[in-house]
């Protein structure tokens, strides 16, 4: 293999999760434009960061810097999707105030924690435990997740938004509750990010089994086509099949990248009173 091709292959390997994310976003937007179904990208792009948080927290086999890039990408997509629908309805003062308060609480907590601790620096990079006492942690426990729940619940106070997009808002609220329960009660499997397969140290995981990706994508296509019968996109089985294949394949690629090779399990750690990570 030529040196240039070898370097390109290594670059793709290191960034396969991010590349998969970019391809997924482009495909969903193209399908939405082709079928003039703009609710599709709103739902399809809104919830991936929760999946990444769980993968990173539980497996602990992803370099912190790589996880931060991917998590910020998907959280940005989610906020853009929300803004595109929430900011187009008739404004409601109380709703806007609650949304602003929630996201301000989230941002203040992120500033107090710092980016590394916000994105599971203790679990992924063995940063020392640290009790945060700065605002807003001196007022409330878990202010980032509480702020998120407050903001997304606040969107539901707008009757016009609630009528059209209540599943989107409730999905965010429930998934933030899930993150809180995860951080309180789930013990990470491991923290060791040493690559057992000898791959680049900044790669997210082992080589992705592309044959298995195709199989998972085919199964997703069948499920996606079938689910259109009970969705707002009734009668668009072809679109459902493409979206189903893309969702399943992308989820599996991320799983492969984030789960990584088996390593020694992490020791149990007590999270009581520790406010070192939130989203």
Protein backbone atom coordinates (compact mmCIF):
# COMPACT_ATOMS: atom_id res chain seq x y z
CA UNK A 1 0.00 0.00 0.00
CA UNK A 2 1.34 3.43 -0.92
CA UNK A 3 2.29 5.72 2.00
CA UNK A 4 -0.44 8.19 1.09
CA UNK A 5 -3.07 5.44 1.03
CA UNK A 6 -1.78 4.08 4.34
CA UNK A 7 -2.04 7.51 5.98
CA UNK A 8 -5.53 7.98 4.56
CA UNK A 9 -6.59 4.57 5.89
CA UNK A 10 -5.25 5.40 9.35
CA UNK A 11 -7.10 8.72 9.29
CA UNK A 12 -10.36 7.02 8.33
CA UNK A 13 -9.84 4.42 11.06
CA UNK A 14 -9.29 7.09 13.70
CA UNK A 15 -12.33 9.06 12.59
CA UNK A 16 -14.71 6.34 11.45
CA UNK A 17 -17.35 7.28 14.06
CA UNK A 18 -17.31 10.93 13.06
CA UNK A 19 -17.35 10.05 9.36
CA UNK A 20 -20.29 7.73 9.92
CA UNK A 21 -22.10 10.54 11.72
CA UNK A 22 -21.49 12.99 8.88
CA UNK A 23 -22.73 10.51 6.29
CA UNK A 24 -25.82 9.80 8.38
CA UNK A 25 -26.66 13.51 8.70
CA UNK A 26 -26.18 14.09 4.97
CA UNK A 27 -28.37 11.11 4.07
CA UNK A 28 -31.20 12.12 6.40
CA UNK A 29 -31.19 15.70 5.11
CA UNK A 30 -31.18 14.48 1.51
CA UNK A 31 -34.14 12.18 2.17
CA UNK A 32 -36.04 14.97 3.91
CA UNK A 33 -35.47 17.33 1.00
CA UNK A 34 -36.39 14.72 -1.58
CA UNK A 35 -39.64 13.78 0.16
CA UNK A 36 -40.33 17.20 1.68
CA UNK A 37 -40.68 15.56 5.09
CA UNK A 38 -38.78 17.88 7.42
CA UNK A 39 -40.00 16.25 10.61
CA UNK A 40 -37.76 13.32 9.65
CA UNK A 41 -34.39 15.00 10.40
CA UNK A 42 -35.78 16.63 13.54
CA UNK A 43 -36.40 13.23 15.11
CA UNK A 44 -33.56 11.37 13.38
CA UNK A 45 -30.86 13.83 14.52
CA UNK A 46 -32.06 14.69 18.03
CA UNK A 47 -31.16 11.78 20.29
CA UNK A 48 -27.81 10.30 19.25
CA UNK A 49 -25.77 12.08 21.91
CA UNK A 50 -27.62 10.20 24.67
CA UNK A 51 -26.54 6.93 23.07
CA UNK A 52 -22.94 8.13 22.95
CA UNK A 53 -23.04 9.18 26.61
CA UNK A 54 -24.15 5.71 27.60
CA UNK A 55 -21.55 3.97 25.44
CA UNK A 56 -18.72 6.17 26.70
CA UNK A 57 -19.77 6.02 30.35
CA UNK A 58 -20.43 2.30 30.53
CA UNK A 59 -17.58 0.92 28.43
CA UNK A 60 -14.98 3.61 29.15
CA UNK A 61 -12.97 2.48 26.12
CA UNK A 62 -12.87 5.70 24.12
CA UNK A 63 -10.23 8.44 24.35
CA UNK A 64 -11.64 11.52 26.03
CA UNK A 65 -10.74 13.90 23.19
CA UNK A 66 -12.42 11.69 20.58
CA UNK A 67 -15.55 11.36 22.68
CA UNK A 68 -15.78 15.10 23.26
CA UNK A 69 -15.62 15.80 19.52
CA UNK A 70 -18.32 13.27 18.74
CA UNK A 71 -20.57 14.23 21.66
CA UNK A 72 -20.39 17.95 20.88
CA UNK A 73 -21.16 17.23 17.22
CA UNK A 74 -24.33 15.32 18.06
CA UNK A 75 -25.42 17.61 20.85
CA UNK A 76 -25.04 20.50 18.41
CA UNK A 77 -27.19 18.66 15.86
CA UNK A 78 -29.82 18.06 18.53
CA UNK A 79 -29.98 21.72 19.58
CA UNK A 80 -30.13 22.87 15.96
CA UNK A 81 -33.03 20.49 15.32
CA UNK A 82 -34.85 21.77 18.40
CA UNK A 83 -34.23 25.41 17.48
CA UNK A 84 -35.51 24.88 13.95
CA UNK A 85 -38.93 23.84 15.25
CA UNK A 86 -39.23 25.68 18.57
CA UNK A 87 -38.19 29.09 17.25
CA UNK A 88 -40.64 28.91 14.35
CA UNK A 89 -43.79 28.68 16.47
CA UNK A 90 -45.52 31.69 18.01
CA UNK A 91 -43.44 32.76 21.04
CA UNK A 92 -44.85 32.25 24.52
CA UNK A 93 -43.12 34.28 27.24
CA UNK A 94 -43.27 31.78 30.11
CA UNK A 95 -42.10 28.97 27.86
CA UNK A 96 -39.18 31.02 26.56
CA UNK A 97 -38.20 32.03 30.09
CA UNK A 98 -38.17 28.44 31.33
CA UNK A 99 -36.19 27.23 28.32
CA UNK A 100 -33.65 30.03 28.78
CA UNK A 101 -33.37 29.33 32.51
CA UNK A 102 -32.82 25.62 31.93
CA UNK A 103 -30.10 26.05 29.34
CA UNK A 104 -28.47 28.82 31.40
CA UNK A 105 -28.33 26.43 34.36
CA UNK A 106 -26.79 23.79 32.11
CA UNK A 107 -24.18 26.18 30.73
CA UNK A 108 -23.27 27.50 34.20
CA UNK A 109 -22.74 23.96 35.46
CA UNK A 110 -20.61 23.08 32.42
CA UNK A 111 -18.44 26.11 33.08
CA UNK A 112 -17.99 25.09 36.71
CA UNK A 113 -17.05 21.53 35.77
CA UNK A 114 -14.87 22.25 32.77
CA UNK A 115 -15.12 20.40 29.45
CA UNK A 116 -13.12 17.32 30.49
CA UNK A 117 -15.16 16.58 33.61
CA UNK A 118 -18.41 17.37 31.80
CA UNK A 119 -17.64 14.61 29.31
CA UNK A 120 -16.78 11.84 31.78
CA UNK A 121 -13.16 12.77 32.33
CA UNK A 122 -13.08 10.65 35.49
CA UNK A 123 -14.32 7.51 33.73
CA UNK A 124 -12.39 7.98 30.48
CA UNK A 125 -9.16 9.69 31.54
CA UNK A 126 -8.94 8.83 35.24
CA UNK A 127 -9.15 12.46 36.30
CA UNK A 128 -9.18 12.60 40.11
CA UNK A 129 -12.50 12.87 41.88
CA UNK A 130 -13.47 16.41 42.71
CA UNK A 131 -16.39 17.78 44.67
CA UNK A 132 -17.63 20.89 42.87
CA UNK A 133 -18.93 23.59 45.21
CA UNK A 134 -19.07 26.55 42.81
CA UNK A 135 -22.40 27.89 41.50
CA UNK A 136 -24.77 26.26 40.62
CA UNK A 137 -23.60 23.14 42.48
CA UNK A 138 -23.87 25.01 45.77
CA UNK A 139 -27.60 25.39 45.08
CA UNK A 140 -28.70 22.17 43.42
CA UNK A 141 -27.41 18.68 42.73
CA UNK A 142 -26.91 17.65 39.10
CA UNK A 143 -27.67 21.11 37.67
CA UNK A 144 -26.75 20.17 34.10
CA UNK A 145 -29.26 17.38 33.79
CA UNK A 146 -31.87 19.25 35.82
CA UNK A 147 -31.32 22.28 33.58
CA UNK A 148 -31.83 20.15 30.48
CA UNK A 149 -35.04 18.68 31.85
CA UNK A 150 -36.28 22.13 32.80
CA UNK A 151 -35.54 23.54 29.35
CA UNK A 152 -37.19 20.72 27.41
CA UNK A 153 -40.18 20.67 29.74
CA UNK A 154 -40.42 24.43 29.23
CA UNK A 155 -40.98 23.97 25.51
CA UNK A 156 -44.20 22.14 26.34
CA UNK A 157 -45.68 25.28 27.89
CA UNK A 158 -46.01 26.62 24.36
CA UNK A 159 -49.33 25.19 23.19
CA UNK A 160 -48.48 25.41 19.49
CA UNK A 161 -45.16 23.62 19.97
CA UNK A 162 -46.73 21.06 22.30
CA UNK A 163 -49.40 20.14 19.79
CA UNK A 164 -46.88 19.41 17.04
CA UNK A 165 -43.74 18.29 18.86
CA UNK A 166 -44.64 16.88 22.27
CA UNK A 167 -42.96 13.49 21.53
CA UNK A 168 -39.68 15.31 20.81
CA UNK A 169 -39.72 17.24 24.10
CA UNK A 170 -40.80 14.28 26.19
CA UNK A 171 -38.12 12.14 24.58
CA UNK A 172 -35.47 14.60 25.72
CA UNK A 173 -36.89 14.81 29.24
CA UNK A 174 -37.04 11.03 29.69
CA UNK A 175 -33.56 10.48 28.26
CA UNK A 176 -32.09 13.08 30.62
CA UNK A 177 -33.78 11.27 33.50
CA UNK A 178 -32.17 8.11 32.16
CA UNK A 179 -28.73 9.73 32.18
CA UNK A 180 -29.20 10.83 35.76
CA UNK A 181 -30.17 7.31 36.84
CA UNK A 182 -27.21 5.90 34.90
CA UNK A 183 -24.73 8.16 36.64
CA UNK A 184 -26.20 7.41 40.06
CA UNK A 185 -26.70 3.66 39.84
CA UNK A 186 -24.70 2.14 36.96
CA UNK A 187 -21.11 1.05 37.56
CA UNK A 188 -18.89 1.57 34.50
CA UNK A 189 -17.54 -1.68 33.11
CA UNK A 190 -13.99 -0.39 32.75
CA UNK A 191 -11.87 2.72 32.45
CA UNK A 192 -8.87 1.31 30.60
CA UNK A 193 -8.60 2.91 27.14
CA UNK A 194 -5.41 1.08 26.22
CA UNK A 195 -5.87 -0.40 22.76
CA UNK A 196 -5.59 -4.17 23.19
CA UNK A 197 -5.62 -4.71 19.41
CA UNK A 198 -2.52 -2.64 18.78
CA UNK A 199 -4.40 0.05 16.84
CA UNK A 200 -3.67 3.79 16.97
CA UNK A 201 -4.03 5.06 20.56
CA UNK A 202 -6.45 7.80 19.52
CA UNK A 203 -8.70 5.44 17.54
CA UNK A 204 -12.17 4.91 18.94
CA UNK A 205 -12.23 1.15 18.68
CA UNK A 206 -11.23 -1.95 16.72
CA UNK A 207 -11.71 -2.32 12.99
CA UNK A 208 -15.41 -2.23 12.20
CA UNK A 209 -16.70 -5.55 10.74
CA UNK A 210 -18.27 -4.11 7.60
CA UNK A 211 -19.95 -7.38 6.67
CA UNK A 212 -21.82 -7.31 9.96
CA UNK A 213 -22.67 -3.63 9.37
CA UNK A 214 -24.33 -4.58 6.09
CA UNK A 215 -26.32 -7.32 7.82
CA UNK A 216 -27.45 -4.99 10.59
CA UNK A 217 -28.37 -2.37 7.98
CA UNK A 218 -30.49 -4.90 6.09
CA UNK A 219 -32.36 -5.79 9.26
CA UNK A 220 -32.87 -2.10 9.98
CA UNK A 221 -34.26 -1.60 6.49
CA UNK A 222 -36.91 -4.27 7.05
CA UNK A 223 -37.88 -2.81 10.41
CA UNK A 224 -37.89 0.75 9.07
CA UNK A 225 -40.13 -0.14 6.17
CA UNK A 226 -42.55 -1.92 8.48
CA UNK A 227 -42.68 0.91 11.01
CA UNK A 228 -43.88 3.42 8.42
CA UNK A 229 -47.32 1.83 8.75
CA UNK A 230 -47.60 3.32 12.28
CA UNK A 231 -45.70 6.56 11.73
CA UNK A 232 -46.42 10.03 10.30
CA UNK A 233 -44.68 8.84 7.12
CA UNK A 234 -47.36 6.26 6.35
CA UNK A 235 -47.06 4.91 2.84
CA UNK A 236 -43.39 5.85 2.42
CA UNK A 237 -41.96 2.38 2.91
CA UNK A 238 -38.92 3.06 0.71
CA UNK A 239 -37.95 6.09 2.77
CA UNK A 240 -38.54 4.10 5.96
CA UNK A 241 -36.31 1.31 4.69
CA UNK A 242 -33.44 3.69 3.90
CA UNK A 243 -33.75 5.48 7.23
CA UNK A 244 -34.02 2.20 9.12
CA UNK A 245 -30.91 0.86 7.42
CA UNK A 246 -29.00 4.06 8.14
CA UNK A 247 -30.02 4.18 11.81
CA UNK A 248 -29.18 0.53 12.44
CA UNK A 249 -25.86 0.66 10.59
CA UNK A 250 -24.76 3.91 12.25
CA UNK A 251 -25.72 2.65 15.70
CA UNK A 252 -23.71 -0.52 15.13
CA UNK A 253 -20.66 1.38 13.89
CA UNK A 254 -20.76 3.55 17.02
CA UNK A 255 -21.12 0.45 19.18
CA UNK A 256 -18.07 -1.12 17.57
CA UNK A 257 -16.04 2.06 18.03
CA UNK A 258 -17.08 2.75 21.60
CA UNK A 259 -17.24 -0.75 23.06
CA UNK A 260 -13.67 -1.49 22.02
CA UNK A 261 -11.72 -4.63 22.95
CA UNK A 262 -12.30 -6.41 26.24
CA UNK A 263 -10.09 -5.19 29.04
CA UNK A 264 -10.03 -5.47 32.80
CA UNK A 265 -13.26 -4.27 34.42
CA UNK A 266 -13.23 -1.11 36.45
CA UNK A 267 -13.52 -1.31 40.21
CA UNK A 268 -16.77 -0.23 41.80
CA UNK A 269 -16.87 3.44 42.69
CA UNK A 270 -19.28 5.31 44.89
CA UNK A 271 -20.94 8.27 43.20
CA UNK A 272 -22.60 9.58 46.34
CA UNK A 273 -21.86 13.27 46.72
CA UNK A 274 -19.63 13.37 43.63
CA UNK A 275 -20.58 15.90 40.97
CA UNK A 276 -17.85 15.31 38.43
CA UNK A 277 -19.85 14.62 35.28
CA UNK A 278 -23.11 15.66 33.76
CA UNK A 279 -24.36 16.55 30.31
